[in-house]
Amino acid sequence: KFAKLFSVEAGPQFGFVVNDNLDTAF
């Protein structure tokens, strides 16, 4: 955080598929 107003952020993200339409698309 900078000046109690602005911030920068970074890190990992873990994603889990809950829905897709690949069978239809391909």
mmCIF file of all heavy atoms, coordinates in Angstrom:
data_MODEL
# 
_entry.id   MODEL 
# 
loop_
_atom_site.group_PDB 
_atom_site.id 
_atom_site.type_symbol 
_atom_site.label_atom_id 
_atom_site.label_alt_id 
_atom_site.label_comp_id 
_atom_site.label_asym_id 
_atom_site.label_entity_id 
_atom_site.label_seq_id 
_atom_site.pdbx_PDB_ins_code 
_atom_site.Cartn_x 
_atom_site.Cartn_y 
_atom_site.Cartn_z 
_atom_site.occupancy 
_atom_site.B_iso_or_equiv 
_atom_site.pdbx_formal_charge 
_atom_site.auth_seq_id 
_atom_site.auth_comp_id 
_atom_site.auth_asym_id 
_atom_site.auth_atom_id 
_atom_site.pdbx_PDB_model_num 
ATOM 1   N N   . LYS A 1 1  ? 0.833   -1.205  0.000   1.00 0.00 ? 1  LYS A N   1 
ATOM 2   C CA  . LYS A 1 1  ? 0.000   0.000   0.000   1.00 0.00 ? 1  LYS A CA  1 
ATOM 3   C C   . LYS A 1 1  ? 0.866   1.252   0.000   1.00 0.00 ? 1  LYS A C   1 
ATOM 4   O O   . LYS A 1 1  ? 1.909   1.300   0.644   1.00 0.00 ? 1  LYS A O   1 
ATOM 5   C CB  . LYS A 1 1  ? -0.903  0.018   1.232   1.00 0.00 ? 1  LYS A CB  1 
ATOM 6   C CG  . LYS A 1 1  ? -1.835  -1.158  1.332   1.00 0.00 ? 1  LYS A CG  1 
ATOM 7   C CD  . LYS A 1 1  ? -2.632  -1.058  2.611   1.00 0.00 ? 1  LYS A CD  1 
ATOM 8   C CE  . LYS A 1 1  ? -3.433  -2.299  2.880   1.00 0.00 ? 1  LYS A CE  1 
ATOM 9   N NZ  . LYS A 1 1  ? -4.216  -2.169  4.104   1.00 0.00 ? 1  LYS A NZ  1 
ATOM 10  N N   . PHE A 1 2  ? 0.379   2.278   -0.707  1.00 0.00 ? 2  PHE A N   1 
ATOM 11  C CA  . PHE A 1 2  ? 1.054   3.558   -0.799  1.00 0.00 ? 2  PHE A CA  1 
ATOM 12  C C   . PHE A 1 2  ? 0.065   4.666   -0.464  1.00 0.00 ? 2  PHE A C   1 
ATOM 13  O O   . PHE A 1 2  ? -1.035  4.699   -1.029  1.00 0.00 ? 2  PHE A O   1 
ATOM 14  C CB  . PHE A 1 2  ? 1.615   3.786   -2.210  1.00 0.00 ? 2  PHE A CB  1 
ATOM 15  C CG  . PHE A 1 2  ? 2.521   2.690   -2.670  1.00 0.00 ? 2  PHE A CG  1 
ATOM 16  C CD1 . PHE A 1 2  ? 2.045   1.667   -3.478  1.00 0.00 ? 2  PHE A CD1 1 
ATOM 17  C CD2 . PHE A 1 2  ? 3.844   2.673   -2.292  1.00 0.00 ? 2  PHE A CD2 1 
ATOM 18  C CE1 . PHE A 1 2  ? 2.878   0.651   -3.911  1.00 0.00 ? 2  PHE A CE1 1 
ATOM 19  C CE2 . PHE A 1 2  ? 4.686   1.659   -2.709  1.00 0.00 ? 2  PHE A CE2 1 
ATOM 20  C CZ  . PHE A 1 2  ? 4.205   0.648   -3.520  1.00 0.00 ? 2  PHE A CZ  1 
ATOM 21  N N   . ALA A 1 3  ? 0.429   5.547   0.430   1.00 0.00 ? 3  ALA A N   1 
ATOM 22  C CA  . ALA A 1 3  ? -0.366  6.734   0.781   1.00 0.00 ? 3  ALA A CA  1 
ATOM 23  C C   . ALA A 1 3  ? -1.787  6.388   1.218   1.00 0.00 ? 3  ALA A C   1 
ATOM 24  O O   . ALA A 1 3  ? -2.699  7.180   1.015   1.00 0.00 ? 3  ALA A O   1 
ATOM 25  C CB  . ALA A 1 3  ? -0.392  7.713   -0.393  1.00 0.00 ? 3  ALA A CB  1 
ATOM 26  N N   . LYS A 1 4  ? -1.983  5.212   1.803   1.00 0.00 ? 4  LYS A N   1 
ATOM 27  C CA  . LYS A 1 4  ? -3.288  4.747   2.294   1.00 0.00 ? 4  LYS A CA  1 
ATOM 28  C C   . LYS A 1 4  ? -4.392  4.802   1.245   1.00 0.00 ? 4  LYS A C   1 
ATOM 29  O O   . LYS A 1 4  ? -5.565  4.736   1.571   1.00 0.00 ? 4  LYS A O   1 
ATOM 30  C CB  . LYS A 1 4  ? -3.721  5.542   3.526   1.00 0.00 ? 4  LYS A CB  1 
ATOM 31  C CG  . LYS A 1 4  ? -2.805  5.350   4.703   1.00 0.00 ? 4  LYS A CG  1 
ATOM 32  C CD  . LYS A 1 4  ? -3.336  6.038   5.930   1.00 0.00 ? 4  LYS A CD  1 
ATOM 33  C CE  . LYS A 1 4  ? -2.395  5.825   7.088   1.00 0.00 ? 4  LYS A CE  1 
ATOM 34  N NZ  . LYS A 1 4  ? -2.893  6.375   8.317   1.00 0.00 ? 4  LYS A NZ  1 
ATOM 35  N N   . LEU A 1 5  ? -4.024  4.924   -0.022  1.00 0.00 ? 5  LEU A N   1 
ATOM 36  C CA  . LEU A 1 5  ? -5.007  5.032   -1.094  1.00 0.00 ? 5  LEU A CA  1 
ATOM 37  C C   . LEU A 1 5  ? -4.715  4.060   -2.229  1.00 0.00 ? 5  LEU A C   1 
ATOM 38  O O   . LEU A 1 5  ? -5.614  3.397   -2.722  1.00 0.00 ? 5  LEU A O   1 
ATOM 39  C CB  . LEU A 1 5  ? -5.024  6.481   -1.615  1.00 0.00 ? 5  LEU A CB  1 
ATOM 40  C CG  . LEU A 1 5  ? -6.004  6.833   -2.703  1.00 0.00 ? 5  LEU A CG  1 
ATOM 41  C CD1 . LEU A 1 5  ? -7.430  6.743   -2.177  1.00 0.00 ? 5  LEU A CD1 1 
ATOM 42  C CD2 . LEU A 1 5  ? -5.731  8.231   -3.222  1.00 0.00 ? 5  LEU A CD2 1 
ATOM 43  N N   . PHE A 1 6  ? -3.461  3.954   -2.633  1.00 0.00 ? 6  PHE A N   1 
ATOM 44  C CA  . PHE A 1 6  ? -3.069  3.133   -3.771  1.00 0.00 ? 6  PHE A CA  1 
ATOM 45  C C   . PHE A 1 6  ? -2.390  1.848   -3.302  1.00 0.00 ? 6  PHE A C   1 
ATOM 46  O O   . PHE A 1 6  ? -1.808  1.804   -2.225  1.00 0.00 ? 6  PHE A O   1 
ATOM 47  C CB  . PHE A 1 6  ? -2.102  3.900   -4.678  1.00 0.00 ? 6  PHE A CB  1 
ATOM 48  C CG  . PHE A 1 6  ? -2.680  5.165   -5.216  1.00 0.00 ? 6  PHE A CG  1 
ATOM 49  C CD1 . PHE A 1 6  ? -2.287  6.386   -4.699  1.00 0.00 ? 6  PHE A CD1 1 
ATOM 50  C CD2 . PHE A 1 6  ? -3.610  5.139   -6.231  1.00 0.00 ? 6  PHE A CD2 1 
ATOM 51  C CE1 . PHE A 1 6  ? -2.815  7.569   -5.181  1.00 0.00 ? 6  PHE A CE1 1 
ATOM 52  C CE2 . PHE A 1 6  ? -4.148  6.314   -6.715  1.00 0.00 ? 6  PHE A CE2 1 
ATOM 53  C CZ  . PHE A 1 6  ? -3.751  7.536   -6.195  1.00 0.00 ? 6  PHE A CZ  1 
ATOM 54  N N   . SER A 1 7  ? -2.430  0.829   -4.156  1.00 0.00 ? 7  SER A N   1 
ATOM 55  C CA  . SER A 1 7  ? -1.750  -0.423  -3.830  1.00 0.00 ? 7  SER A CA  1 
ATOM 56  C C   . SER A 1 7  ? -1.348  -1.148  -5.105  1.00 0.00 ? 7  SER A C   1 
ATOM 57  O O   . SER A 1 7  ? -1.921  -0.922  -6.181  1.00 0.00 ? 7  SER A O   1 
ATOM 58  C CB  . SER A 1 7  ? -2.661  -1.327  -2.991  1.00 0.00 ? 7  SER A CB  1 
ATOM 59  O OG  . SER A 1 7  ? -3.802  -1.694  -3.725  1.00 0.00 ? 7  SER A OG  1 
ATOM 60  N N   . VAL A 1 8  ? -0.349  -2.006  -4.965  1.00 0.00 ? 8  VAL A N   1 
ATOM 61  C CA  . VAL A 1 8  ? 0.010   -2.956  -6.012  1.00 0.00 ? 8  VAL A CA  1 
ATOM 62  C C   . VAL A 1 8  ? -0.055  -4.342  -5.377  1.00 0.00 ? 8  VAL A C   1 
ATOM 63  O O   . VAL A 1 8  ? 0.126   -4.483  -4.161  1.00 0.00 ? 8  VAL A O   1 
ATOM 64  C CB  . VAL A 1 8  ? 1.401   -2.684  -6.627  1.00 0.00 ? 8  VAL A CB  1 
ATOM 65  C CG1 . VAL A 1 8  ? 1.398   -1.384  -7.386  1.00 0.00 ? 8  VAL A CG1 1 
ATOM 66  C CG2 . VAL A 1 8  ? 2.492   -2.703  -5.581  1.00 0.00 ? 8  VAL A CG2 1 
ATOM 67  N N   . GLU A 1 9  ? -0.336  -5.357  -6.192  1.00 0.00 ? 9  GLU A N   1 
ATOM 68  C CA  . GLU A 1 9  ? -0.520  -6.701  -5.661  1.00 0.00 ? 9  GLU A CA  1 
ATOM 69  C C   . GLU A 1 9  ? 0.028   -7.731  -6.635  1.00 0.00 ? 9  GLU A C   1 
ATOM 70  O O   . GLU A 1 9  ? 0.025   -7.506  -7.847  1.00 0.00 ? 9  GLU A O   1 
ATOM 71  C CB  . GLU A 1 9  ? -2.003  -6.955  -5.387  1.00 0.00 ? 9  GLU A CB  1 
ATOM 72  C CG  . GLU A 1 9  ? -2.879  -6.767  -6.617  1.00 0.00 ? 9  GLU A CG  1 
ATOM 73  C CD  . GLU A 1 9  ? -4.351  -6.574  -6.310  1.00 0.00 ? 9  GLU A CD  1 
ATOM 74  O OE1 . GLU A 1 9  ? -4.686  -5.953  -5.291  1.00 0.00 ? 9  GLU A OE1 1 
ATOM 75  O OE2 . GLU A 1 9  ? -5.157  -7.049  -7.125  1.00 0.00 ? 9  GLU A OE2 1 
ATOM 76  N N   . ALA A 1 10 ? 0.487   -8.843  -6.087  1.00 0.00 ? 10 ALA A N   1 
ATOM 77  C CA  . ALA A 1 10 ? 0.998   -9.931  -6.916  1.00 0.00 ? 10 ALA A CA  1 
ATOM 78  C C   . ALA A 1 10 ? 0.942   -11.224 -6.116  1.00 0.00 ? 10 ALA A C   1 
ATOM 79  O O   . ALA A 1 10 ? 1.037   -11.210 -4.886  1.00 0.00 ? 10 ALA A O   1 
ATOM 80  C CB  . ALA A 1 10 ? 2.423   -9.648  -7.357  1.00 0.00 ? 10 ALA A CB  1 
ATOM 81  N N   . GLY A 1 11 ? 0.785   -12.333 -6.840  1.00 0.00 ? 11 GLY A N   1 
ATOM 82  C CA  . GLY A 1 11 ? 0.784   -13.629 -6.181  1.00 0.00 ? 11 GLY A CA  1 
ATOM 83  C C   . GLY A 1 11 ? 0.219   -14.712 -7.067  1.00 0.00 ? 11 GLY A C   1 
ATOM 84  O O   . GLY A 1 11 ? -0.166  -14.475 -8.220  1.00 0.00 ? 11 GLY A O   1 
ATOM 85  N N   . PRO A 1 12 ? 0.120   -15.922 -6.532  1.00 0.00 ? 12 PRO A N   1 
ATOM 86  C CA  . PRO A 1 12 ? -0.425  -17.040 -7.302  1.00 0.00 ? 12 PRO A CA  1 
ATOM 87  C C   . PRO A 1 12 ? -1.952  -17.053 -7.283  1.00 0.00 ? 12 PRO A C   1 
ATOM 88  O O   . PRO A 1 12 ? -2.584  -16.473 -6.400  1.00 0.00 ? 12 PRO A O   1 
ATOM 89  C CB  . PRO A 1 12 ? 0.118   -18.263 -6.560  1.00 0.00 ? 12 PRO A CB  1 
ATOM 90  C CG  . PRO A 1 12 ? 0.215   -17.791 -5.142  1.00 0.00 ? 12 PRO A CG  1 
ATOM 91  C CD  . PRO A 1 12 ? 0.612   -16.347 -5.224  1.00 0.00 ? 12 PRO A CD  1 
ATOM 92  N N   . GLN A 1 13 ? -2.510  -17.709 -8.286  1.00 0.00 ? 13 GLN A N   1 
ATOM 93  C CA  . GLN A 1 13 ? -3.962  -17.929 -8.344  1.00 0.00 ? 13 GLN A CA  1 
ATOM 94  C C   . GLN A 1 13 ? -4.195  -19.396 -8.675  1.00 0.00 ? 13 GLN A C   1 
ATOM 95  O O   . GLN A 1 13 ? -3.633  -19.920 -9.631  1.00 0.00 ? 13 GLN A O   1 
ATOM 96  C CB  . GLN A 1 13 ? -4.602  -17.040 -9.402  1.00 0.00 ? 13 GLN A CB  1 
ATOM 97  C CG  . GLN A 1 13 ? -6.082  -17.308 -9.586  1.00 0.00 ? 13 GLN A CG  1 
ATOM 98  C CD  . GLN A 1 13 ? -6.737  -16.326 -10.533 1.00 0.00 ? 13 GLN A CD  1 
ATOM 99  O OE1 . GLN A 1 13 ? -7.098  -15.246 -10.128 1.00 0.00 ? 13 GLN A OE1 1 
ATOM 100 N NE2 . GLN A 1 13 ? -6.863  -16.713 -11.792 1.00 0.00 ? 13 GLN A NE2 1 
ATOM 101 N N   . PHE A 1 14 ? -5.040  -20.031 -7.880  1.00 0.00 ? 14 PHE A N   1 
ATOM 102 C CA  . PHE A 1 14 ? -5.370  -21.434 -8.065  1.00 0.00 ? 14 PHE A CA  1 
ATOM 103 C C   . PHE A 1 14 ? -6.791  -21.513 -8.611  1.00 0.00 ? 14 PHE A C   1 
ATOM 104 O O   . PHE A 1 14 ? -7.717  -21.015 -7.978  1.00 0.00 ? 14 PHE A O   1 
ATOM 105 C CB  . PHE A 1 14 ? -5.245  -22.176 -6.731  1.00 0.00 ? 14 PHE A CB  1 
ATOM 106 C CG  . PHE A 1 14 ? -3.917  -21.944 -6.065  1.00 0.00 ? 14 PHE A CG  1 
ATOM 107 C CD1 . PHE A 1 14 ? -3.780  -20.970 -5.083  1.00 0.00 ? 14 PHE A CD1 1 
ATOM 108 C CD2 . PHE A 1 14 ? -2.811  -22.672 -6.453  1.00 0.00 ? 14 PHE A CD2 1 
ATOM 109 C CE1 . PHE A 1 14 ? -2.552  -20.739 -4.481  1.00 0.00 ? 14 PHE A CE1 1 
ATOM 110 C CE2 . PHE A 1 14 ? -1.571  -22.444 -5.850  1.00 0.00 ? 14 PHE A CE2 1 
ATOM 111 C CZ  . PHE A 1 14 ? -1.442  -21.475 -4.878  1.00 0.00 ? 14 PHE A CZ  1 
ATOM 112 N N   . GLY A 1 15 ? -6.963  -22.119 -9.784  1.00 0.00 ? 15 GLY A N   1 
ATOM 113 C CA  . GLY A 1 15 ? -8.274  -22.178 -10.421 1.00 0.00 ? 15 GLY A CA  1 
ATOM 114 C C   . GLY A 1 15 ? -8.768  -23.606 -10.571 1.00 0.00 ? 15 GLY A C   1 
ATOM 115 O O   . GLY A 1 15 ? -7.993  -24.520 -10.876 1.00 0.00 ? 15 GLY A O   1 
ATOM 116 N N   . PHE A 1 16 ? -10.072 -23.775 -10.351 1.00 0.00 ? 16 PHE A N   1 
ATOM 117 C CA  . PHE A 1 16 ? -10.705 -25.078 -10.460 1.00 0.00 ? 16 PHE A CA  1 
ATOM 118 C C   . PHE A 1 16 ? -11.876 -24.966 -11.437 1.00 0.00 ? 16 PHE A C   1 
ATOM 119 O O   . PHE A 1 16 ? -12.793 -24.179 -11.213 1.00 0.00 ? 16 PHE A O   1 
ATOM 120 C CB  . PHE A 1 16 ? -11.185 -25.544 -9.081  1.00 0.00 ? 16 PHE A CB  1 
ATOM 121 C CG  . PHE A 1 16 ? -10.072 -25.606 -8.073  1.00 0.00 ? 16 PHE A CG  1 
ATOM 122 C CD1 . PHE A 1 16 ? -9.766  -24.505 -7.284  1.00 0.00 ? 16 PHE A CD1 1 
ATOM 123 C CD2 . PHE A 1 16 ? -9.308  -26.753 -7.949  1.00 0.00 ? 16 PHE A CD2 1 
ATOM 124 C CE1 . PHE A 1 16 ? -8.723  -24.550 -6.371  1.00 0.00 ? 16 PHE A CE1 1 
ATOM 125 C CE2 . PHE A 1 16 ? -8.260  -26.801 -7.039  1.00 0.00 ? 16 PHE A CE2 1 
ATOM 126 C CZ  . PHE A 1 16 ? -7.961  -25.702 -6.251  1.00 0.00 ? 16 PHE A CZ  1 
ATOM 127 N N   . VAL A 1 17 ? -11.855 -25.760 -12.511 1.00 0.00 ? 17 VAL A N   1 
ATOM 128 C CA  . VAL A 1 17 ? -12.909 -25.701 -13.529 1.00 0.00 ? 17 VAL A CA  1 
ATOM 129 C C   . VAL A 1 17 ? -14.222 -26.189 -12.933 1.00 0.00 ? 17 VAL A C   1 
ATOM 130 O O   . VAL A 1 17 ? -14.284 -27.256 -12.322 1.00 0.00 ? 17 VAL A O   1 
ATOM 131 C CB  . VAL A 1 17 ? -12.538 -26.555 -14.760 1.00 0.00 ? 17 VAL A CB  1 
ATOM 132 C CG1 . VAL A 1 17 ? -13.700 -26.618 -15.747 1.00 0.00 ? 17 VAL A CG1 1 
ATOM 133 C CG2 . VAL A 1 17 ? -11.301 -26.002 -15.439 1.00 0.00 ? 17 VAL A CG2 1 
ATOM 134 N N   . VAL A 1 18 ? -15.274 -25.391 -13.120 1.00 0.00 ? 18 VAL A N   1 
ATOM 135 C CA  . VAL A 1 18 ? -16.601 -25.778 -12.640 1.00 0.00 ? 18 VAL A CA  1 
ATOM 136 C C   . VAL A 1 18 ? -17.590 -25.919 -13.786 1.00 0.00 ? 18 VAL A C   1 
ATOM 137 O O   . VAL A 1 18 ? -18.659 -26.493 -13.605 1.00 0.00 ? 18 VAL A O   1 
ATOM 138 C CB  . VAL A 1 18 ? -17.151 -24.787 -11.584 1.00 0.00 ? 18 VAL A CB  1 
ATOM 139 C CG1 . VAL A 1 18 ? -16.327 -24.856 -10.308 1.00 0.00 ? 18 VAL A CG1 1 
ATOM 140 C CG2 . VAL A 1 18 ? -17.214 -23.367 -12.113 1.00 0.00 ? 18 VAL A CG2 1 
ATOM 141 N N   . ASN A 1 19 ? -17.238 -25.412 -14.976 1.00 0.00 ? 19 ASN A N   1 
ATOM 142 C CA  . ASN A 1 19 ? -18.153 -25.480 -16.107 1.00 0.00 ? 19 ASN A CA  1 
ATOM 143 C C   . ASN A 1 19 ? -17.365 -25.239 -17.397 1.00 0.00 ? 19 ASN A C   1 
ATOM 144 O O   . ASN A 1 19 ? -16.500 -24.369 -17.438 1.00 0.00 ? 19 ASN A O   1 
ATOM 145 C CB  . ASN A 1 19 ? -19.244 -24.411 -15.956 1.00 0.00 ? 19 ASN A CB  1 
ATOM 146 C CG  . ASN A 1 19 ? -20.263 -24.468 -17.063 1.00 0.00 ? 19 ASN A CG  1 
ATOM 147 O OD1 . ASN A 1 19 ? -20.692 -25.533 -17.470 1.00 0.00 ? 19 ASN A OD1 1 
ATOM 148 N ND2 . ASN A 1 19 ? -20.647 -23.311 -17.573 1.00 0.00 ? 19 ASN A ND2 1 
ATOM 149 N N   . ASP A 1 20 ? -17.661 -26.019 -18.423 1.00 0.00 ? 20 ASP A N   1 
ATOM 150 C CA  . ASP A 1 20 ? -17.098 -25.740 -19.746 1.00 0.00 ? 20 ASP A CA  1 
ATOM 151 C C   . ASP A 1 20 ? -18.029 -26.274 -20.819 1.00 0.00 ? 20 ASP A C   1 
ATOM 152 O O   . ASP A 1 20 ? -18.903 -27.084 -20.536 1.00 0.00 ? 20 ASP A O   1 
ATOM 153 C CB  . ASP A 1 20 ? -15.682 -26.321 -19.905 1.00 0.00 ? 20 ASP A CB  1 
ATOM 154 C CG  . ASP A 1 20 ? -15.663 -27.840 -19.969 1.00 0.00 ? 20 ASP A CG  1 
ATOM 155 O OD1 . ASP A 1 20 ? -16.377 -28.421 -20.801 1.00 0.00 ? 20 ASP A OD1 1 
ATOM 156 O OD2 . ASP A 1 20 ? -14.904 -28.459 -19.189 1.00 0.00 ? 20 ASP A OD2 1 
ATOM 157 N N   . ASN A 1 21 ? -17.850 -25.781 -22.027 1.00 0.00 ? 21 ASN A N   1 
ATOM 158 C CA  . ASN A 1 21 ? -18.660 -26.255 -23.149 1.00 0.00 ? 21 ASN A CA  1 
ATOM 159 C C   . ASN A 1 21 ? -17.782 -26.815 -24.261 1.00 0.00 ? 21 ASN A C   1 
ATOM 160 O O   . ASN A 1 21 ? -18.108 -26.690 -25.432 1.00 0.00 ? 21 ASN A O   1 
ATOM 161 C CB  . ASN A 1 21 ? -19.551 -25.125 -23.677 1.00 0.00 ? 21 ASN A CB  1 
ATOM 162 C CG  . ASN A 1 21 ? -18.772 -24.058 -24.423 1.00 0.00 ? 21 ASN A CG  1 
ATOM 163 O OD1 . ASN A 1 21 ? -17.565 -23.923 -24.239 1.00 0.00 ? 21 ASN A OD1 1 
ATOM 164 N ND2 . ASN A 1 21 ? -19.448 -23.301 -25.264 1.00 0.00 ? 21 ASN A ND2 1 
ATOM 165 N N   . LEU A 1 22 ? -16.685 -27.466 -23.900 1.00 0.00 ? 22 LEU A N   1 
ATOM 166 C CA  . LEU A 1 22 ? -15.756 -27.971 -24.908 1.00 0.00 ? 22 LEU A CA  1 
ATOM 167 C C   . LEU A 1 22 ? -16.373 -29.026 -25.807 1.00 0.00 ? 22 LEU A C   1 
ATOM 168 O O   . LEU A 1 22 ? -16.073 -29.077 -26.997 1.00 0.00 ? 22 LEU A O   1 
ATOM 169 C CB  . LEU A 1 22 ? -14.505 -28.538 -24.244 1.00 0.00 ? 22 LEU A CB  1 
ATOM 170 C CG  . LEU A 1 22 ? -13.553 -27.509 -23.665 1.00 0.00 ? 22 LEU A CG  1 
ATOM 171 C CD1 . LEU A 1 22 ? -12.336 -28.194 -23.096 1.00 0.00 ? 22 LEU A CD1 1 
ATOM 172 C CD2 . LEU A 1 22 ? -13.146 -26.502 -24.694 1.00 0.00 ? 22 LEU A CD2 1 
ATOM 173 N N   . ASP A 1 23 ? -17.214 -29.891 -25.268 1.00 0.00 ? 23 ASP A N   1 
ATOM 174 C CA  . ASP A 1 23 ? -17.845 -30.920 -26.102 1.00 0.00 ? 23 ASP A CA  1 
ATOM 175 C C   . ASP A 1 23 ? -18.638 -30.294 -27.237 1.00 0.00 ? 23 ASP A C   1 
ATOM 176 O O   . ASP A 1 23 ? -18.596 -30.753 -28.376 1.00 0.00 ? 23 ASP A O   1 
ATOM 177 C CB  . ASP A 1 23 ? -18.750 -31.818 -25.260 1.00 0.00 ? 23 ASP A CB  1 
ATOM 178 C CG  . ASP A 1 23 ? -17.965 -32.682 -24.288 1.00 0.00 ? 23 ASP A CG  1 
ATOM 179 O OD1 . ASP A 1 23 ? -16.766 -32.933 -24.548 1.00 0.00 ? 23 ASP A OD1 1 
ATOM 180 O OD2 . ASP A 1 23 ? -18.532 -33.088 -23.271 1.00 0.00 ? 23 ASP A OD2 1 
ATOM 181 N N   . THR A 1 24 ? -19.349 -29.232 -26.945 1.00 0.00 ? 24 THR A N   1 
ATOM 182 C CA  . THR A 1 24 ? -20.135 -28.529 -27.962 1.00 0.00 ? 24 THR A CA  1 
ATOM 183 C C   . THR A 1 24 ? -19.227 -27.764 -28.913 1.00 0.00 ? 24 THR A C   1 
ATOM 184 O O   . THR A 1 24 ? -19.390 -27.815 -30.129 1.00 0.00 ? 24 THR A O   1 
ATOM 185 C CB  . THR A 1 24 ? -21.126 -27.550 -27.299 1.00 0.00 ? 24 THR A CB  1 
ATOM 186 O OG1 . THR A 1 24 ? -21.922 -28.280 -26.377 1.00 0.00 ? 24 THR A OG1 1 
ATOM 187 C CG2 . THR A 1 24 ? -21.998 -26.870 -28.321 1.00 0.00 ? 24 THR A CG2 1 
ATOM 188 N N   . ALA A 1 25 ? -18.241 -27.045 -28.385 1.00 0.00 ? 25 ALA A N   1 
ATOM 189 C CA  . ALA A 1 25 ? -17.374 -26.196 -29.197 1.00 0.00 ? 25 ALA A CA  1 
ATOM 190 C C   . ALA A 1 25 ? -16.507 -26.997 -30.161 1.00 0.00 ? 25 ALA A C   1 
ATOM 191 O O   . ALA A 1 25 ? -16.232 -26.554 -31.271 1.00 0.00 ? 25 ALA A O   1 
ATOM 192 C CB  . ALA A 1 25 ? -16.496 -25.336 -28.292 1.00 0.00 ? 25 ALA A CB  1 
ATOM 193 N N   . PHE A 1 26 ? -16.054 -28.192 -29.747 1.00 0.00 ? 26 PHE A N   1 
ATOM 194 C CA  . PHE A 1 26 ? -15.150 -28.988 -30.571 1.00 0.00 ? 26 PHE A CA  1 
ATOM 195 C C   . PHE A 1 26 ? -15.846 -30.189 -31.216 1.00 0.00 ? 26 PHE A C   1 
ATOM 196 O O   . PHE A 1 26 ? -15.169 -31.049 -31.769 1.00 0.00 ? 26 PHE A O   1 
ATOM 197 C CB  . PHE A 1 26 ? -13.960 -29.479 -29.739 1.00 0.00 ? 26 PHE A CB  1 
ATOM 198 C CG  . PHE A 1 26 ? -12.960 -28.404 -29.437 1.00 0.00 ? 26 PHE A CG  1 
ATOM 199 C CD1 . PHE A 1 26 ? -13.010 -27.707 -28.239 1.00 0.00 ? 26 PHE A CD1 1 
ATOM 200 C CD2 . PHE A 1 26 ? -11.977 -28.083 -30.349 1.00 0.00 ? 26 PHE A CD2 1 
ATOM 201 C CE1 . PHE A 1 26 ? -12.088 -26.729 -27.946 1.00 0.00 ? 26 PHE A CE1 1 
ATOM 202 C CE2 . PHE A 1 26 ? -11.050 -27.093 -30.074 1.00 0.00 ? 26 PHE A CE2 1 
ATOM 203 C CZ  . PHE A 1 26 ? -11.110 -26.412 -28.869 1.00 0.00 ? 26 PHE A CZ  1 
# 
